[in-house]
């Protein structure tokens, strides 16, 4: 059974950093591209970052480029999102996602709140 579980969210002050984790089970993360999305209060879900199957290619939304870093540890079957220089505009629920054989899988999300 495919399962994605996000963790690492919380309250952080503007300018701070967080690292989110997405623990996968039921499939090897090394075999699939994976993504982070986020949804701010009252807004739609938006793409944040993607890591390719090989891990060599990484894509980012313009709003987070050079600030966020997506990575993956195949030995732990876990994906990460390192977020630096956070602003209140980054306040969202962050979700991890993958597509396996045409079916989309989502975690339940982890809340990141950036506030002083």
C-alpha atoms as a PDB file:
ATOM      1  CA  UNK A   1       0.000   0.000   0.000  1.00  0.00           C
ATOM      2  CA  UNK A   2       1.437   3.325  -1.095  1.00  0.00           C
ATOM      3  CA  UNK A   3       1.704   5.821   1.718  1.00  0.00           C
ATOM      4  CA  UNK A   4       3.295   9.251   2.028  1.00  0.00           C
ATOM      5  CA  UNK A   5       3.725  10.875   5.430  1.00  0.00           C
ATOM      6  CA  UNK A   6       4.983  14.426   5.762  1.00  0.00           C
ATOM      7  CA  UNK A   7       6.606  15.827   8.892  1.00  0.00           C
ATOM      8  CA  UNK A   8       8.793  18.682  10.024  1.00  0.00           C
ATOM      9  CA  UNK A   9       6.356  21.556   9.835  1.00  0.00           C
ATOM     10  CA  UNK A  10       5.831  24.045  12.595  1.00  0.00           C
ATOM     11  CA  UNK A  11       6.065  27.676  13.586  1.00  0.00           C
ATOM     12  CA  UNK A  12       9.141  29.562  12.461  1.00  0.00           C
ATOM     13  CA  UNK A  13      10.074  33.229  12.494  1.00  0.00           C
ATOM     14  CA  UNK A  14      10.598  35.156   9.254  1.00  0.00           C
ATOM     15  CA  UNK A  15      14.081  34.524   7.918  1.00  0.00           C
ATOM     16  CA  UNK A  16      14.235  31.134   9.546  1.00  0.00           C
ATOM     17  CA  UNK A  17      14.653  27.662   8.071  1.00  0.00           C
ATOM     18  CA  UNK A  18      12.902  24.331   8.220  1.00  0.00           C
ATOM     19  CA  UNK A  19      13.417  20.904   6.736  1.00  0.00           C
ATOM     20  CA  UNK A  20      10.367  18.921   5.774  1.00  0.00           C
ATOM     21  CA  UNK A  21      10.417  15.162   5.345  1.00  0.00           C
ATOM     22  CA  UNK A  22       8.207  12.867   3.319  1.00  0.00           C
ATOM     23  CA  UNK A  23       8.496   9.252   4.391  1.00  0.00           C
ATOM     24  CA  UNK A  24       7.328   6.877   1.692  1.00  0.00           C
ATOM     25  CA  UNK A  25       6.185   3.289   2.022  1.00  0.00           C
ATOM     26  CA  UNK A  26       4.819   0.735  -0.397  1.00  0.00           C
ATOM     27  CA  UNK A  27       7.148   1.769  -3.195  1.00  0.00           C
ATOM     28  CA  UNK A  28      10.809   2.738  -3.666  1.00  0.00           C
ATOM     29  CA  UNK A  29      11.288   6.492  -4.010  1.00  0.00           C
ATOM     30  CA  UNK A  30      14.300   5.754  -6.192  1.00  0.00           C
ATOM     31  CA  UNK A  31      11.982   4.551  -8.965  1.00  0.00           C
ATOM     32  CA  UNK A  32       9.688   7.566  -9.216  1.00  0.00           C
ATOM     33  CA  UNK A  33       9.761  11.305  -9.612  1.00  0.00           C
ATOM     34  CA  UNK A  34       8.424  13.054  -6.543  1.00  0.00           C
ATOM     35  CA  UNK A  35       7.092  16.513  -5.843  1.00  0.00           C
ATOM     36  CA  UNK A  36       6.285  18.989  -3.129  1.00  0.00           C
ATOM     37  CA  UNK A  37       3.181  21.138  -3.325  1.00  0.00           C
ATOM     38  CA  UNK A  38       1.754  23.659  -0.920  1.00  0.00           C
ATOM     39  CA  UNK A  39      -1.584  25.242  -0.201  1.00  0.00           C
ATOM     40  CA  UNK A  40      -1.875  28.553   1.584  1.00  0.00           C
ATOM     41  CA  UNK A  41      -5.024  29.457   3.527  1.00  0.00           C
ATOM     42  CA  UNK A  42      -7.795  30.344   1.102  1.00  0.00           C
ATOM     43  CA  UNK A  43      -5.732  29.522  -1.970  1.00  0.00           C
ATOM     44  CA  UNK A  44      -5.314  26.650  -4.380  1.00  0.00           C
ATOM     45  CA  UNK A  45      -2.597  24.043  -4.228  1.00  0.00           C
ATOM     46  CA  UNK A  46       0.584  25.092  -6.003  1.00  0.00           C
ATOM     47  CA  UNK A  47       3.673  23.297  -7.217  1.00  0.00           C
ATOM     48  CA  UNK A  48       6.827  23.866  -5.186  1.00  0.00           C
ATOM     49  CA  UNK A  49       9.536  21.464  -6.323  1.00  0.00           C
ATOM     50  CA  UNK A  50      10.177  18.239  -8.189  1.00  0.00           C
ATOM     51  CA  UNK A  51      12.954  15.686  -8.144  1.00  0.00           C
ATOM     52  CA  UNK A  52      13.410  13.318 -11.060  1.00  0.00           C
ATOM     53  CA  UNK A  53      13.686   9.556 -10.936  1.00  0.00           C
ATOM     54  CA  UNK A  54      17.457   9.702 -11.127  1.00  0.00           C
ATOM     55  CA  UNK A  55      17.641  12.564  -8.682  1.00  0.00           C
ATOM     56  CA  UNK A  56      19.815  14.561 -11.051  1.00  0.00           C
ATOM     57  CA  UNK A  57      17.074  16.899 -12.263  1.00  0.00           C
ATOM     58  CA  UNK A  58      15.349  19.224  -9.829  1.00  0.00           C
ATOM     59  CA  UNK A  59      12.769  21.844 -10.715  1.00  0.00           C
ATOM     60  CA  UNK A  60      11.415  24.647  -8.571  1.00  0.00           C
ATOM     61  CA  UNK A  61       8.657  27.189  -8.628  1.00  0.00           C
ATOM     62  CA  UNK A  62      10.068  30.634  -9.366  1.00  0.00           C
ATOM     63  CA  UNK A  63       8.953  31.830  -5.942  1.00  0.00           C
ATOM     64  CA  UNK A  64      11.210  29.363  -4.106  1.00  0.00           C
ATOM     65  CA  UNK A  65      14.123  28.973  -6.512  1.00  0.00           C
ATOM     66  CA  UNK A  66      17.499  29.387  -4.778  1.00  0.00           C
ATOM     67  CA  UNK A  67      15.737  29.334  -1.391  1.00  0.00           C
ATOM     68  CA  UNK A  68      14.338  25.805  -1.201  1.00  0.00           C
ATOM     69  CA  UNK A  69      16.178  22.561  -1.942  1.00  0.00           C
ATOM     70  CA  UNK A  70      14.539  19.240  -2.720  1.00  0.00           C
ATOM     71  CA  UNK A  71      16.451  16.057  -2.039  1.00  0.00           C
ATOM     72  CA  UNK A  72      15.993  12.366  -1.472  1.00  0.00           C
ATOM     73  CA  UNK A  73      17.571   9.613   0.595  1.00  0.00           C
ATOM     74  CA  UNK A  74      16.937   6.298  -1.103  1.00  0.00           C
ATOM     75  CA  UNK A  75      18.278   4.343   1.876  1.00  0.00           C
ATOM     76  CA  UNK A  76      15.615   5.896   4.095  1.00  0.00           C
ATOM     77  CA  UNK A  77      12.985   5.944   1.344  1.00  0.00           C
ATOM     78  CA  UNK A  78      12.396   9.577   2.211  1.00  0.00           C
ATOM     79  CA  UNK A  79      12.215  12.876   0.349  1.00  0.00           C
ATOM     80  CA  UNK A  80      13.096  16.233   1.888  1.00  0.00           C
ATOM     81  CA  UNK A  81      12.502  19.916   1.354  1.00  0.00           C
ATOM     82  CA  UNK A  82      14.975  22.298   2.901  1.00  0.00           C
ATOM     83  CA  UNK A  83      13.445  25.768   3.147  1.00  0.00           C
ATOM     84  CA  UNK A  84      15.590  28.826   3.858  1.00  0.00           C
ATOM     85  CA  UNK A  85      14.835  32.501   4.412  1.00  0.00           C
ATOM     86  CA  UNK A  86      11.185  31.793   5.056  1.00  0.00           C
ATOM     87  CA  UNK A  87       8.647  34.592   4.771  1.00  0.00           C
ATOM     88  CA  UNK A  88       5.009  34.810   5.877  1.00  0.00           C
ATOM     89  CA  UNK A  89       4.086  34.141   2.241  1.00  0.00           C
ATOM     90  CA  UNK A  90       5.485  30.633   2.684  1.00  0.00           C
ATOM     91  CA  UNK A  91       2.838  29.835   5.281  1.00  0.00           C
ATOM     92  CA  UNK A  92       1.030  26.808   3.876  1.00  0.00           C
ATOM     93  CA  UNK A  93       0.269  23.176   4.276  1.00  0.00           C
ATOM     94  CA  UNK A  94       3.002  21.312   2.417  1.00  0.00           C
ATOM     95  CA  UNK A  95       2.211  18.068   0.649  1.00  0.00           C
ATOM     96  CA  UNK A  96       4.352  15.456  -1.014  1.00  0.00           C
ATOM     97  CA  UNK A  97       3.172  13.744  -4.153  1.00  0.00           C
ATOM     98  CA  UNK A  98       4.075  11.039  -6.592  1.00  0.00           C
ATOM     99  CA  UNK A  99       2.492   9.446  -9.625  1.00  0.00           C
ATOM    100  CA  UNK A 100       2.681   5.679  -9.938  1.00  0.00           C
ATOM    101  CA  UNK A 101       1.270   4.047 -13.052  1.00  0.00           C
ATOM    102  CA  UNK A 102      -1.003   6.997 -13.684  1.00  0.00           C
ATOM    103  CA  UNK A 103      -2.368   7.233 -10.163  1.00  0.00           C
ATOM    104  CA  UNK A 104      -1.625  10.266  -8.013  1.00  0.00           C
ATOM    105  CA  UNK A 105      -0.698   9.758  -4.386  1.00  0.00           C
ATOM    106  CA  UNK A 106      -0.677  12.466  -1.746  1.00  0.00           C
ATOM    107  CA  UNK A 107       0.278  12.724   1.859  1.00  0.00           C
ATOM    108  CA  UNK A 108      -1.933  14.460   4.406  1.00  0.00           C
ATOM    109  CA  UNK A 109       0.395  17.434   4.615  1.00  0.00           C
ATOM    110  CA  UNK A 110       2.386  19.269   7.242  1.00  0.00           C
ATOM    111  CA  UNK A 111       1.634  22.853   8.283  1.00  0.00           C
ATOM    112  CA  UNK A 112       4.326  25.487   8.082  1.00  0.00           C
ATOM    113  CA  UNK A 113       3.546  28.811   9.729  1.00  0.00           C
ATOM    114  CA  UNK A 114       5.962  31.704   9.300  1.00  0.00           C
ATOM    115  CA  UNK A 115       5.231  34.417  11.810  1.00  0.00           C
ATOM    116  CA  UNK A 116       6.906  36.590  14.388  1.00  0.00           C
END
